[in-house]
Structure formats: C-alpha cells, structure tokens
C-alpha cells in the first residue's frame, strides 16, 4: 500500500465518509474521484491500478460516443462517469441515453463505482478473459485505462496478440466486440509521441510493429489531448501516456473469411445427367 501524506490521508478519509451515503451528489462524486486514494487500502502498485485524473477523464470523454459503451478495467468509474457527463447535452435534447457496462475485477472498487456511476451495469470479472467479454454482446465503443505493461494481472489471452503488455491485450480483445475504442496507454506503447513533446512524432518501436502485425490495429490521436498537463494529478505515479482511438469496424470486415465460389460454365456439359454426376 502507498504511504500517503497528511493532506492525502485527510482527503481520503473525507471521501470515505461521503461513500457511507446511499446517494452522492454530482459534486460529491467528483470529490471522491479526486481524493479517494486507490493506494490507501489496496496494493495498487503491484496490479498497476492507477485511476485516471478527473480532468483527464473529461478530456478523454470527448472521443467517446455510441449508444452502448463498455468500460474495461473500470476502477471506480471515472471514465464512464466523465463520458456520461459529456453526454448530458444529448439527454437534454431527448436523445436515447447511452448504456454503460463497467467491468472490474476488484469488488471493493465496484462497490465505490456503483456510487459514482449508478447508471452503469457493473460486472465483476477479468477484462482479459476473451470469452467472458464476448458473452456481453456487441458494443459501439470500448473505453479503458488498463494497467500498463508486463506486470499487469489478468489470466486471459488475447485473440491475436501474443506479447505480455496488458494494454495491448485489452485493445486486441476490444477489437472483437466493438466498432470503436478509446484507450489510455503508455506513450511508448502508442503509435505516436505527442504528449509533453514539441511536435508530433511517429513511434516505430519493435513491440509496436509486432502488435500491428499480429492484430492489424492502428491508432489515431483523436482530438489530440496533451496528457502531460495531468502528469502530476495521478496518485502515486506521474506517467506520460497517450489517449489513442481505434476504428475496429473496418478491421473486422477485413478479418471475416472470404467465401470461395466455384463458378462452372453453364454449357460445359451437354448432357444434364453428366452435369449432375459432377456433384454426386
């Protein structure tokens, strides 16, 4: 568990008191997201469970859309809640509210997440379990801030990616169940370097090439959020990461097997019996 400062401990305890309430106000939810410290009671360092800063979550949500959204490795629901807040204008205009499904393996996080995002369906499970994720049906969009790197947990295997980086496993699995994806991943795992840089630059690392070759997944920068602005807002870490978007719809069409059609000339055989004997 992390060692908190006095100020962090005080704020965390205030968040814990708020969580004793059955229903939280909008402002109370933001307070919990900003101040409930995932390292206070859980060994989040070993699992890579670091929650997205709320400001970054709101910027992330600009790229999120669709009527059915799946949040993998949802934590306590920061990304889903931010997307729900961003979608508020649609609700005012009478449009159908999006459905959110949050997958989280830690039951303690789910308990809090239900207070933050009661509109979502919360399911305890392993986000790297491909068959489990596929059993949830189709989604318009998958969102995730997964644990980063090789240290991350999860017992499942991705359908194509054979490496150990957990963020790549989640992206590969997401490509099986959704048309579109938005992910927070380490900058070194992204196809580009943008955040904290003077200029945008492509990444040509060996591990990225392997991921592309195995999965066919390409990454874009979406609206182009410089995540370095929020580097010091994380709890216990200060990562440089990127928000990447992936269009899976075209990729899924490419993955479908092509039917082989045998076309015989109509007049190849003069005798109808001779024609039928070909298929006997």
Protein backbone atom coordinates (compact mmCIF):
# COMPACT_ATOMS: atom_id res chain seq x y z
CA UNK A 1 0.00 0.00 0.00
CA UNK A 2 1.10 3.55 -0.67
CA UNK A 3 2.31 5.94 2.01
CA UNK A 4 0.01 8.96 1.95
CA UNK A 5 0.83 12.49 3.06
CA UNK A 6 -1.23 14.05 5.84
CA UNK A 7 -3.20 16.07 3.31
CA UNK A 8 -3.86 12.98 1.17
CA UNK A 9 -4.93 10.99 4.22
CA UNK A 10 -7.34 13.71 5.33
CA UNK A 11 -8.89 13.98 1.86
CA UNK A 12 -9.12 10.20 1.51
CA UNK A 13 -10.89 9.93 4.87
CA UNK A 14 -13.36 12.64 3.82
CA UNK A 15 -14.06 10.68 0.64
CA UNK A 16 -14.63 7.53 2.72
CA UNK A 17 -17.17 9.39 4.86
CA UNK A 18 -19.03 10.53 1.75
CA UNK A 19 -19.14 6.96 0.49
CA UNK A 20 -21.17 5.96 3.55
CA UNK A 21 -24.09 7.83 2.00
CA UNK A 22 -26.58 5.91 -0.14
CA UNK A 23 -26.65 8.57 -2.85
CA UNK A 24 -23.96 11.07 -3.76
CA UNK A 25 -24.47 14.48 -5.31
CA UNK A 26 -22.69 15.42 -8.52
CA UNK A 27 -20.06 17.43 -6.63
CA UNK A 28 -19.56 14.66 -4.08
CA UNK A 29 -18.84 12.19 -6.86
CA UNK A 30 -16.12 14.45 -8.23
CA UNK A 31 -14.67 14.85 -4.74
CA UNK A 32 -14.45 11.07 -4.36
CA UNK A 33 -12.86 10.66 -7.78
CA UNK A 34 -10.28 13.32 -6.94
CA UNK A 35 -9.49 12.26 -3.39
CA UNK A 36 -10.28 8.59 -2.74
CA UNK A 37 -6.76 7.14 -2.91
CA UNK A 38 -6.54 3.70 -4.53
CA UNK A 39 -3.23 3.06 -2.77
CA UNK A 40 -4.54 3.73 0.74
CA UNK A 41 -6.14 0.34 1.28
CA UNK A 42 -5.06 -1.69 -1.75
CA UNK A 43 -1.72 -2.76 -3.20
CA UNK A 44 -2.42 -0.99 -6.46
CA UNK A 45 1.25 -0.73 -7.36
CA UNK A 46 1.56 -4.48 -7.93
CA UNK A 47 -1.52 -4.60 -10.15
CA UNK A 48 -0.94 -1.31 -11.97
CA UNK A 49 -4.34 0.00 -10.85
CA UNK A 50 -3.89 3.77 -11.05
CA UNK A 51 -7.10 5.72 -11.61
CA UNK A 52 -7.47 8.38 -14.29
CA UNK A 53 -7.37 12.01 -13.04
CA UNK A 54 -10.86 13.50 -13.33
CA UNK A 55 -9.78 16.38 -15.59
CA UNK A 56 -8.09 13.98 -17.96
CA UNK A 57 -11.16 11.72 -17.89
CA UNK A 58 -13.31 14.62 -19.08
CA UNK A 59 -10.91 15.34 -21.94
CA UNK A 60 -10.80 11.62 -22.75
CA UNK A 61 -14.60 11.56 -22.94
CA UNK A 62 -14.64 13.96 -25.90
CA UNK A 63 -13.66 10.99 -28.09
CA UNK A 64 -16.29 8.64 -26.61
CA UNK A 65 -19.57 8.03 -28.40
CA UNK A 66 -22.19 5.42 -29.18
CA UNK A 67 -25.32 4.04 -27.57
CA UNK A 68 -23.62 1.05 -25.89
CA UNK A 69 -20.28 1.64 -24.17
CA UNK A 70 -18.07 -0.98 -22.48
CA UNK A 71 -15.57 0.17 -19.83
CA UNK A 72 -12.83 -2.43 -19.32
CA UNK A 73 -10.75 -2.28 -16.11
CA UNK A 74 -13.24 0.36 -14.95
CA UNK A 75 -11.76 1.00 -11.49
CA UNK A 76 -14.28 3.17 -9.64
CA UNK A 77 -15.83 4.50 -12.84
CA UNK A 78 -14.02 7.74 -13.68
CA UNK A 79 -14.06 7.23 -17.45
CA UNK A 80 -17.68 6.13 -17.62
CA UNK A 81 -18.82 8.93 -15.35
CA UNK A 82 -16.94 11.52 -17.42
CA UNK A 83 -18.48 10.13 -20.62
CA UNK A 84 -21.93 10.22 -19.01
CA UNK A 85 -21.39 13.86 -18.00
CA UNK A 86 -20.21 14.73 -21.52
CA UNK A 87 -23.34 13.04 -22.91
CA UNK A 88 -25.62 15.24 -20.79
CA UNK A 89 -26.46 17.56 -23.69
CA UNK A 90 -27.83 14.62 -25.67
CA UNK A 91 -30.15 13.75 -22.80
CA UNK A 92 -31.42 17.32 -22.67
CA UNK A 93 -32.17 17.12 -26.37
CA UNK A 94 -34.27 13.98 -25.90
CA UNK A 95 -31.82 11.54 -27.47
CA UNK A 96 -31.54 7.98 -26.17
CA UNK A 97 -29.19 7.79 -23.21
CA UNK A 98 -26.15 5.58 -23.74
CA UNK A 99 -25.90 2.26 -21.91
CA UNK A 100 -22.71 1.74 -19.92
CA UNK A 101 -21.30 -1.63 -18.84
CA UNK A 102 -18.34 -1.49 -16.42
CA UNK A 103 -16.05 -4.49 -15.97
CA UNK A 104 -13.81 -4.53 -12.90
CA UNK A 105 -12.10 -7.41 -11.13
CA UNK A 106 -11.79 -5.77 -7.67
CA UNK A 107 -15.10 -5.97 -5.73
CA UNK A 108 -14.08 -3.07 -3.46
CA UNK A 109 -13.71 -0.82 -6.49
CA UNK A 110 -17.09 -1.96 -7.80
CA UNK A 111 -18.76 -1.03 -4.52
CA UNK A 112 -17.48 2.53 -4.89
CA UNK A 113 -18.13 2.59 -8.63
CA UNK A 114 -21.81 1.91 -8.07
CA UNK A 115 -21.97 5.11 -6.02
CA UNK A 116 -20.11 7.10 -8.69
CA UNK A 117 -21.84 5.64 -11.73
CA UNK A 118 -25.13 4.01 -10.64
CA UNK A 119 -26.42 4.38 -14.21
CA UNK A 120 -23.99 1.66 -15.34
CA UNK A 121 -24.26 -2.10 -15.16
CA UNK A 122 -21.34 -3.23 -13.01
CA UNK A 123 -19.93 -6.72 -13.56
CA UNK A 124 -17.09 -8.31 -11.63
CA UNK A 125 -14.77 -10.12 -13.98
CA UNK A 126 -11.40 -10.36 -15.71
CA UNK A 127 -11.21 -7.92 -18.62
CA UNK A 128 -8.60 -10.15 -20.27
CA UNK A 129 -10.99 -13.12 -20.43
CA UNK A 130 -11.97 -13.03 -24.10
CA UNK A 131 -14.92 -15.42 -23.92
CA UNK A 132 -16.35 -13.61 -20.91
CA UNK A 133 -16.11 -10.25 -22.68
CA UNK A 134 -17.66 -11.66 -25.87
CA UNK A 135 -20.56 -13.04 -23.83
CA UNK A 136 -21.58 -9.45 -23.01
CA UNK A 137 -22.61 -8.81 -26.63
CA UNK A 138 -21.73 -6.11 -29.12
CA UNK A 139 -20.81 -2.52 -28.24
CA UNK A 140 -20.48 0.70 -30.15
CA UNK A 141 -17.43 1.75 -28.15
CA UNK A 142 -14.93 0.27 -25.70
CA UNK A 143 -13.11 2.59 -23.30
CA UNK A 144 -10.28 1.69 -20.96
CA UNK A 145 -7.40 2.89 -18.85
CA UNK A 146 -5.92 -0.59 -18.37
CA UNK A 147 -2.99 -1.48 -16.13
CA UNK A 148 0.18 -0.74 -18.05
CA UNK A 149 2.93 -3.10 -19.11
CA UNK A 150 4.08 -6.62 -18.37
CA UNK A 151 3.49 -6.50 -14.63
CA UNK A 152 -0.27 -6.25 -15.03
CA UNK A 153 -2.60 -9.05 -13.99
CA UNK A 154 -5.21 -10.93 -15.93
CA UNK A 155 -5.29 -14.61 -16.72
CA UNK A 156 -6.81 -14.48 -20.19
CA UNK A 157 -5.20 -14.47 -23.60
CA UNK A 158 -5.79 -12.04 -26.43
CA UNK A 159 -7.10 -13.50 -29.68
CA UNK A 160 -4.07 -12.47 -31.77
CA UNK A 161 -1.53 -10.55 -29.69
CA UNK A 162 1.00 -12.91 -28.08
CA UNK A 163 3.09 -10.39 -26.15
CA UNK A 164 2.95 -9.55 -22.44
CA UNK A 165 1.88 -5.88 -22.48
CA UNK A 166 -1.53 -5.80 -20.85
CA UNK A 167 -2.73 -2.67 -22.62
CA UNK A 168 -2.24 -4.42 -25.97
CA UNK A 169 -4.19 -7.45 -24.75
CA UNK A 170 -7.13 -5.24 -23.82
CA UNK A 171 -7.06 -3.42 -27.16
CA UNK A 172 -6.99 -6.72 -29.07
CA UNK A 173 -9.93 -8.07 -27.05
CA UNK A 174 -11.84 -4.82 -27.52
CA UNK A 175 -11.47 -5.15 -31.29
CA UNK A 176 -13.55 -8.33 -31.10
CA UNK A 177 -16.63 -6.76 -29.51
CA UNK A 178 -16.86 -3.11 -30.58
CA UNK A 179 -16.76 -0.85 -33.62
CA UNK A 180 -14.56 1.74 -31.95
CA UNK A 181 -12.22 2.11 -29.00
CA UNK A 182 -10.64 4.86 -26.88
CA UNK A 183 -7.72 3.92 -24.62
CA UNK A 184 -5.18 5.46 -22.26
CA UNK A 185 -1.87 3.69 -22.79
CA UNK A 186 1.81 4.37 -22.06
CA UNK A 187 3.40 6.72 -24.55
CA UNK A 188 5.95 4.05 -25.51
CA UNK A 189 3.06 1.72 -26.47
CA UNK A 190 1.35 4.34 -28.63
CA UNK A 191 1.90 4.69 -32.37
CA UNK A 192 2.87 8.32 -31.79
CA UNK A 193 4.65 10.62 -29.36
CA UNK A 194 2.61 13.73 -28.71
CA UNK A 195 2.06 14.47 -25.02
CA UNK A 196 4.79 16.61 -23.47
CA UNK A 197 6.53 16.94 -26.84
CA UNK A 198 7.29 19.94 -29.01
CA UNK A 199 5.92 18.18 -32.08
CA UNK A 200 4.05 15.02 -33.02
CA UNK A 201 6.35 12.12 -33.95
CA UNK A 202 5.64 8.56 -35.08
CA UNK A 203 6.75 5.60 -32.96
CA UNK A 204 8.49 2.79 -34.85
CA UNK A 205 9.42 0.54 -31.91
CA UNK A 206 9.76 -3.21 -32.37
CA UNK A 207 6.99 -4.03 -29.89
CA UNK A 208 4.56 -1.70 -31.67
CA UNK A 209 5.39 -3.27 -35.03
CA UNK A 210 4.71 -6.71 -33.54
CA UNK A 211 1.35 -5.54 -32.19
CA UNK A 212 0.36 -4.11 -35.58
CA UNK A 213 1.46 -7.20 -37.47
CA UNK A 214 -0.42 -9.57 -35.19
CA UNK A 215 -3.65 -7.58 -34.78
CA UNK A 216 -3.93 -5.17 -37.69
CA UNK A 217 -4.95 -2.47 -35.20
CA UNK A 218 -3.92 1.10 -35.97
CA UNK A 219 -4.08 4.04 -33.58
CA UNK A 220 -5.09 7.66 -34.06
CA UNK A 221 -4.75 10.61 -31.68
CA UNK A 222 -8.44 11.53 -31.60
CA UNK A 223 -8.96 15.15 -30.62
CA UNK A 224 -5.30 15.37 -29.58
CA UNK A 225 -5.20 15.71 -25.77
CA UNK A 226 -1.78 16.50 -24.29
CA UNK A 227 -1.91 14.23 -21.24
CA UNK A 228 1.31 15.72 -19.84
CA UNK A 229 -0.90 18.52 -18.49
CA UNK A 230 -2.27 16.00 -15.98
CA UNK A 231 1.03 14.23 -15.23
CA UNK A 232 1.11 15.37 -11.61
CA UNK A 233 -2.59 14.69 -10.95
CA UNK A 234 -2.20 10.91 -10.78
CA UNK A 235 -1.93 9.32 -7.34
CA UNK A 236 1.41 7.65 -6.68
CA UNK A 237 2.72 7.88 -10.26
CA UNK A 238 3.40 10.53 -12.89
CA UNK A 239 3.12 8.72 -16.23
CA UNK A 240 3.45 10.17 -19.70
CA UNK A 241 0.71 8.45 -21.64
CA UNK A 242 -1.39 8.97 -24.74
CA UNK A 243 -5.10 8.83 -25.48
CA UNK A 244 -5.48 6.72 -28.61
CA UNK A 245 -8.55 5.97 -30.69
CA UNK A 246 -9.03 2.86 -32.83
CA UNK A 247 -11.56 2.19 -35.58
CA UNK A 248 -12.34 -1.52 -35.38
CA UNK A 249 -15.29 -1.63 -37.78
CA UNK A 250 -13.24 -1.76 -40.98
CA UNK A 251 -10.74 -4.09 -39.35
CA UNK A 252 -13.49 -6.60 -38.50
CA UNK A 253 -14.63 -6.64 -42.13
CA UNK A 254 -11.07 -7.46 -43.18
CA UNK A 255 -10.90 -10.32 -40.68
CA UNK A 256 -14.02 -12.07 -41.99
CA UNK A 257 -13.20 -15.17 -44.06
CA UNK A 258 -13.89 -14.80 -47.76
CA UNK A 259 -16.29 -17.37 -49.21
CA UNK A 260 -14.93 -19.36 -52.13
CA UNK A 261 -17.40 -19.59 -55.01
CA UNK A 262 -16.87 -22.16 -57.75
CA UNK A 263 -18.45 -20.99 -60.97
CA UNK A 264 -18.95 -23.66 -63.60
CA UNK A 265 -19.76 -22.63 -67.17
CA UNK A 266 -23.42 -23.28 -67.88
CA UNK A 267 -22.76 -25.11 -71.15
CA UNK A 268 -19.72 -27.07 -70.07
CA UNK A 269 -21.74 -30.30 -70.19
CA UNK A 270 -24.33 -31.02 -72.87
CA UNK A 271 -25.90 -33.96 -71.08
CA UNK A 272 -27.90 -32.99 -67.89
CA UNK A 273 -27.04 -36.39 -66.34
CA UNK A 274 -23.38 -35.66 -66.92
CA UNK A 275 -23.80 -32.29 -65.14
CA UNK A 276 -25.42 -33.87 -62.06
CA UNK A 277 -22.75 -36.57 -61.82
CA UNK A 278 -20.18 -33.91 -61.03
CA UNK A 279 -21.81 -33.28 -57.62
CA UNK A 280 -22.56 -36.95 -56.80
